[in-house]
Amino acid sequence: MKKLYLLLTLLLLSFSGTAQKYHFKGLHNFPYDSTTRKVRYVEVISVPGTSRADLYRRARQWLTDKNGPLGLGTLISVPEEGQLRGRLVLTGASQPFRAFFLFEVLEGQLRCSLTDFTASMDGMRLEELAAKGGRRLDEWLEQNDARFRESLASLRQTVQQ
């Protein structure tokens, strides 16, 4: 009987030893700000020799081209301070995300910050979605991260033209 238990134990250990455990990445897919506990993308674009007014115009043009008048949502424009802020819609892997944006225009430089991502269809915050766990969810989160970074790359391209 002892040999049977020993054999079963060895058999079970051999199966568990060969299985690979998946390590969920979750929020490690994203630029996570631990002080605010939010996903936050920050892009600083330097365009030496460009006036504040021209950079402001280019940033606003990107917002309009990217989202159109309906997808832009709230836009608070303060040209004299060189700020644009509000909500915009970013395409995600399977559904759009709404996010808060803040553009700060300085002489020859644009600072863009995207935060407070919310899935448009189910209304869940990105941080809540990332906490669920799982391999498929990780792949989906990586796809969304790539899309958000593509949006920032298109902003960089528009502003530097």
C-alpha atoms as a PDB file:
ATOM      1  CA  MET A   1       0.000   0.000   0.000  1.00  0.00           C
ATOM      2  CA  LYS A   2       2.878   2.351   0.802  1.00  0.00           C
ATOM      3  CA  LYS A   3       4.360   1.656  -2.608  1.00  0.00           C
ATOM      4  CA  LEU A   4       1.042   2.562  -4.258  1.00  0.00           C
ATOM      5  CA  TYR A   5       0.885   5.905  -2.417  1.00  0.00           C
ATOM      6  CA  LEU A   6       4.499   6.586  -3.259  1.00  0.00           C
ATOM      7  CA  LEU A   7       3.872   5.763  -6.917  1.00  0.00           C
ATOM      8  CA  LEU A   8       0.794   8.029  -7.057  1.00  0.00           C
ATOM      9  CA  THR A   9       2.681  10.852  -5.364  1.00  0.00           C
ATOM     10  CA  LEU A  10       5.567  10.571  -7.814  1.00  0.00           C
ATOM     11  CA  LEU A  11       3.146  10.463 -10.725  1.00  0.00           C
ATOM     12  CA  LEU A  12       1.335  13.615  -9.558  1.00  0.00           C
ATOM     13  CA  LEU A  13       4.591  15.439  -8.946  1.00  0.00           C
ATOM     14  CA  SER A  14       5.838  14.601 -12.424  1.00  0.00           C
ATOM     15  CA  PHE A  15       2.722  16.179 -13.997  1.00  0.00           C
ATOM     16  CA  SER A  16       2.872  19.322 -11.885  1.00  0.00           C
ATOM     17  CA  GLY A  17       6.583  19.718 -12.538  1.00  0.00           C
ATOM     18  CA  THR A  18       6.148  19.776 -16.318  1.00  0.00           C
ATOM     19  CA  ALA A  19       3.306  22.304 -16.344  1.00  0.00           C
ATOM     20  CA  GLN A  20       4.435  25.868 -16.962  1.00  0.00           C
ATOM     21  CA  LYS A  21       2.836  28.448 -14.747  1.00  0.00           C
ATOM     22  CA  TYR A  22       1.792  31.627 -16.556  1.00  0.00           C
ATOM     23  CA  HIS A  23       2.875  34.873 -14.908  1.00  0.00           C
ATOM     24  CA  PHE A  24       0.234  37.548 -15.453  1.00  0.00           C
ATOM     25  CA  LYS A  25       1.708  40.927 -16.358  1.00  0.00           C
ATOM     26  CA  GLY A  26      -1.384  43.068 -15.724  1.00  0.00           C
ATOM     27  CA  LEU A  27      -0.435  46.692 -15.226  1.00  0.00           C
ATOM     28  CA  HIS A  28       3.190  45.951 -16.094  1.00  0.00           C
ATOM     29  CA  ASN A  29       2.062  46.258 -19.730  1.00  0.00           C
ATOM     30  CA  PHE A  30       1.502  49.970 -19.199  1.00  0.00           C
ATOM     31  CA  PRO A  31       3.287  53.062 -17.890  1.00  0.00           C
ATOM     32  CA  TYR A  32       1.788  52.904 -14.392  1.00  0.00           C
ATOM     33  CA  ASP A  33       2.120  55.831 -12.003  1.00  0.00           C
ATOM     34  CA  SER A  34       2.244  54.324  -8.513  1.00  0.00           C
ATOM     35  CA  THR A  35       1.572  57.653  -6.793  1.00  0.00           C
ATOM     36  CA  THR A  36      -1.760  58.244  -8.551  1.00  0.00           C
ATOM     37  CA  ARG A  37      -2.373  54.520  -9.138  1.00  0.00           C
ATOM     38  CA  LYS A  38      -3.307  55.192 -12.738  1.00  0.00           C
ATOM     39  CA  VAL A  39      -1.998  54.311 -16.165  1.00  0.00           C
ATOM     40  CA  ARG A  40      -0.409  57.465 -17.549  1.00  0.00           C
ATOM     41  CA  TYR A  41       1.270  58.063 -20.882  1.00  0.00           C
ATOM     42  CA  VAL A  42       3.458  61.151 -21.102  1.00  0.00           C
ATOM     43  CA  GLU A  43       5.069  62.292 -24.323  1.00  0.00           C
ATOM     44  CA  VAL A  44       7.318  65.331 -24.613  1.00  0.00           C
ATOM     45  CA  ILE A  45       7.841  66.456 -28.194  1.00  0.00           C
ATOM     46  CA  SER A  46      10.599  68.961 -28.912  1.00  0.00           C
ATOM     47  CA  VAL A  47      10.373  71.061 -32.055  1.00  0.00           C
ATOM     48  CA  PRO A  48      13.086  73.716 -31.739  1.00  0.00           C
ATOM     49  CA  GLY A  49      12.379  77.027 -33.430  1.00  0.00           C
ATOM     50  CA  THR A  50       8.598  76.533 -33.518  1.00  0.00           C
ATOM     51  CA  SER A  51       6.356  79.125 -31.905  1.00  0.00           C
ATOM     52  CA  ARG A  52       3.839  78.311 -29.185  1.00  0.00           C
ATOM     53  CA  ALA A  53       0.983  79.384 -31.461  1.00  0.00           C
ATOM     54  CA  ASP A  54       2.077  77.031 -34.239  1.00  0.00           C
ATOM     55  CA  LEU A  55       2.544  74.070 -31.865  1.00  0.00           C
ATOM     56  CA  TYR A  56      -0.847  74.804 -30.320  1.00  0.00           C
ATOM     57  CA  ARG A  57      -2.444  74.833 -33.781  1.00  0.00           C
ATOM     58  CA  ARG A  58      -0.771  71.521 -34.725  1.00  0.00           C
ATOM     59  CA  ALA A  59      -1.861  69.810 -31.490  1.00  0.00           C
ATOM     60  CA  ARG A  60      -5.431  71.005 -31.931  1.00  0.00           C
ATOM     61  CA  GLN A  61      -5.387  69.879 -35.572  1.00  0.00           C
ATOM     62  CA  TRP A  62      -4.245  66.389 -34.492  1.00  0.00           C
ATOM     63  CA  LEU A  63      -7.101  66.193 -31.990  1.00  0.00           C
ATOM     64  CA  THR A  64      -9.636  67.173 -34.646  1.00  0.00           C
ATOM     65  CA  ASP A  65      -8.192  64.840 -37.300  1.00  0.00           C
ATOM     66  CA  LYS A  66      -7.856  61.921 -34.877  1.00  0.00           C
ATOM     67  CA  ASN A  67     -11.294  62.136 -33.285  1.00  0.00           C
ATOM     68  CA  GLY A  68     -13.474  64.383 -35.398  1.00  0.00           C
ATOM     69  CA  PRO A  69     -16.009  66.684 -33.774  1.00  0.00           C
ATOM     70  CA  LEU A  70     -18.054  63.825 -32.248  1.00  0.00           C
ATOM     71  CA  GLY A  71     -15.262  61.678 -30.799  1.00  0.00           C
ATOM     72  CA  LEU A  72     -13.486  64.559 -29.142  1.00  0.00           C
ATOM     73  CA  GLY A  73     -15.922  65.036 -26.291  1.00  0.00           C
ATOM     74  CA  THR A  74     -15.108  67.883 -23.948  1.00  0.00           C
ATOM     75  CA  LEU A  75     -12.402  70.263 -25.067  1.00  0.00           C
ATOM     76  CA  ILE A  76     -11.221  73.067 -22.836  1.00  0.00           C
ATOM     77  CA  SER A  77      -9.002  75.375 -24.784  1.00  0.00           C
ATOM     78  CA  VAL A  78      -6.841  77.995 -23.075  1.00  0.00           C
ATOM     79  CA  PRO A  79      -4.635  79.382 -25.872  1.00  0.00           C
ATOM     80  CA  GLU A  80      -3.059  82.142 -23.777  1.00  0.00           C
ATOM     81  CA  GLU A  81      -1.778  79.510 -21.305  1.00  0.00           C
ATOM     82  CA  GLY A  82      -0.951  77.076 -24.102  1.00  0.00           C
ATOM     83  CA  GLN A  83      -3.247  74.344 -22.763  1.00  0.00           C
ATOM     84  CA  LEU A  84      -5.684  71.963 -24.349  1.00  0.00           C
ATOM     85  CA  ARG A  85      -7.469  69.473 -22.123  1.00  0.00           C
ATOM     86  CA  GLY A  86     -10.524  67.282 -22.204  1.00  0.00           C
ATOM     87  CA  ARG A  87     -11.617  63.781 -23.195  1.00  0.00           C
ATOM     88  CA  LEU A  88     -10.875  61.925 -26.376  1.00  0.00           C
ATOM     89  CA  VAL A  89     -11.593  58.505 -27.812  1.00  0.00           C
ATOM     90  CA  LEU A  90      -8.716  56.157 -28.666  1.00  0.00           C
ATOM     91  CA  THR A  91      -9.272  52.998 -30.640  1.00  0.00           C
ATOM     92  CA  GLY A  92      -8.555  49.881 -28.611  1.00  0.00           C
ATOM     93  CA  ALA A  93      -7.985  46.280 -29.667  1.00  0.00           C
ATOM     94  CA  SER A  94     -11.660  45.310 -29.483  1.00  0.00           C
ATOM     95  CA  GLN A  95     -13.393  48.439 -28.204  1.00  0.00           C
ATOM     96  CA  PRO A  96     -12.671  52.154 -27.980  1.00  0.00           C
ATOM     97  CA  PHE A  97     -11.291  53.748 -24.827  1.00  0.00           C
ATOM     98  CA  ARG A  98     -12.037  57.208 -23.507  1.00  0.00           C
ATOM     99  CA  ALA A  99      -9.155  59.051 -21.883  1.00  0.00           C
ATOM    100  CA  PHE A 100      -8.392  62.432 -20.373  1.00  0.00           C
ATOM    101  CA  PHE A 101      -5.732  64.402 -22.175  1.00  0.00           C
ATOM    102  CA  LEU A 102      -3.699  67.448 -21.284  1.00  0.00           C
ATOM    103  CA  PHE A 103      -1.524  69.220 -23.838  1.00  0.00           C
ATOM    104  CA  GLU A 104       0.830  71.883 -22.522  1.00  0.00           C
ATOM    105  CA  VAL A 105       2.485  74.000 -25.189  1.00  0.00           C
ATOM    106  CA  LEU A 106       5.773  75.721 -24.414  1.00  0.00           C
ATOM    107  CA  GLU A 107       8.146  77.496 -26.757  1.00  0.00           C
ATOM    108  CA  GLY A 108       9.426  74.740 -29.064  1.00  0.00           C
ATOM    109  CA  GLN A 109       7.962  71.927 -26.958  1.00  0.00           C
ATOM    110  CA  LEU A 110       4.661  70.091 -26.496  1.00  0.00           C
ATOM    111  CA  ARG A 111       3.958  67.945 -23.443  1.00  0.00           C
ATOM    112  CA  CYS A 112       1.089  65.475 -23.816  1.00  0.00           C
ATOM    113  CA  SER A 113      -0.385  63.472 -20.955  1.00  0.00           C
ATOM    114  CA  LEU A 114      -3.050  60.761 -21.349  1.00  0.00           C
ATOM    115  CA  THR A 115      -4.692  59.257 -18.268  1.00  0.00           C
ATOM    116  CA  ASP A 116      -7.983  57.902 -16.822  1.00  0.00           C
ATOM    117  CA  PHE A 117      -8.600  55.295 -19.524  1.00  0.00           C
ATOM    118  CA  THR A 118     -12.135  53.883 -19.511  1.00  0.00           C
ATOM    119  CA  ALA A 119     -13.453  51.140 -21.790  1.00  0.00           C
ATOM    120  CA  SER A 120     -16.308  52.654 -23.798  1.00  0.00           C
ATOM    121  CA  MET A 121     -18.527  49.576 -23.946  1.00  0.00           C
ATOM    122  CA  ASP A 122     -18.483  48.359 -20.359  1.00  0.00           C
ATOM    123  CA  GLY A 123     -17.334  51.523 -18.576  1.00  0.00           C
ATOM    124  CA  MET A 124     -14.530  49.784 -16.657  1.00  0.00           C
ATOM    125  CA  ARG A 125     -11.300  51.597 -15.903  1.00  0.00           C
ATOM    126  CA  LEU A 126      -8.192  50.188 -17.524  1.00  0.00           C
ATOM    127  CA  GLU A 127      -6.665  49.530 -14.101  1.00  0.00           C
ATOM    128  CA  GLU A 128      -9.706  47.400 -13.142  1.00  0.00           C
ATOM    129  CA  LEU A 129      -9.522  45.428 -16.380  1.00  0.00           C
ATOM    130  CA  ALA A 130      -5.813  44.782 -15.907  1.00  0.00           C
ATOM    131  CA  ALA A 131      -6.407  43.407 -12.400  1.00  0.00           C
ATOM    132  CA  LYS A 132      -8.553  40.512 -13.673  1.00  0.00           C
ATOM    133  CA  GLY A 133      -5.657  38.375 -14.876  1.00  0.00           C
ATOM    134  CA  GLY A 134      -5.183  35.718 -17.533  1.00  0.00           C
ATOM    135  CA  ARG A 135      -3.136  35.049 -20.643  1.00  0.00           C
ATOM    136  CA  ARG A 136      -5.773  36.206 -23.137  1.00  0.00           C
ATOM    137  CA  LEU A 137      -6.344  39.380 -21.141  1.00  0.00           C
ATOM    138  CA  ASP A 138      -2.598  40.028 -21.105  1.00  0.00           C
ATOM    139  CA  GLU A 139      -2.454  39.719 -24.890  1.00  0.00           C
ATOM    140  CA  TRP A 140      -5.416  42.083 -25.204  1.00  0.00           C
ATOM    141  CA  LEU A 141      -3.782  44.597 -22.853  1.00  0.00           C
ATOM    142  CA  GLU A 142      -0.549  44.446 -24.877  1.00  0.00           C
ATOM    143  CA  GLN A 143      -2.533  45.159 -28.052  1.00  0.00           C
ATOM    144  CA  ASN A 144      -4.183  48.165 -26.394  1.00  0.00           C
ATOM    145  CA  ASP A 145      -0.834  49.465 -25.175  1.00  0.00           C
ATOM    146  CA  ALA A 146       0.484  49.246 -28.749  1.00  0.00           C
ATOM    147  CA  ARG A 147      -2.548  51.178 -30.037  1.00  0.00           C
ATOM    148  CA  PHE A 148      -2.147  53.916 -27.428  1.00  0.00           C
ATOM    149  CA  ARG A 149       1.539  54.233 -28.280  1.00  0.00           C
ATOM    150  CA  GLU A 150       0.647  54.425 -32.002  1.00  0.00           C
ATOM    151  CA  SER A 151      -1.660  57.350 -31.206  1.00  0.00           C
ATOM    152  CA  LEU A 152       1.171  59.165 -29.458  1.00  0.00           C
ATOM    153  CA  ALA A 153       3.489  58.400 -32.382  1.00  0.00           C
ATOM    154  CA  SER A 154       0.970  59.930 -34.806  1.00  0.00           C
ATOM    155  CA  LEU A 155       0.788  63.019 -32.553  1.00  0.00           C
ATOM    156  CA  ARG A 156       4.586  63.261 -32.636  1.00  0.00           C
ATOM    157  CA  GLN A 157       4.571  62.963 -36.432  1.00  0.00           C
ATOM    158  CA  THR A 158       1.875  65.643 -36.836  1.00  0.00           C
ATOM    159  CA  VAL A 159       3.549  68.086 -34.469  1.00  0.00           C
ATOM    160  CA  GLN A 160       7.022  67.665 -35.991  1.00  0.00           C
ATOM    161  CA  GLN A 161       5.875  68.317 -39.578  1.00  0.00           C
END
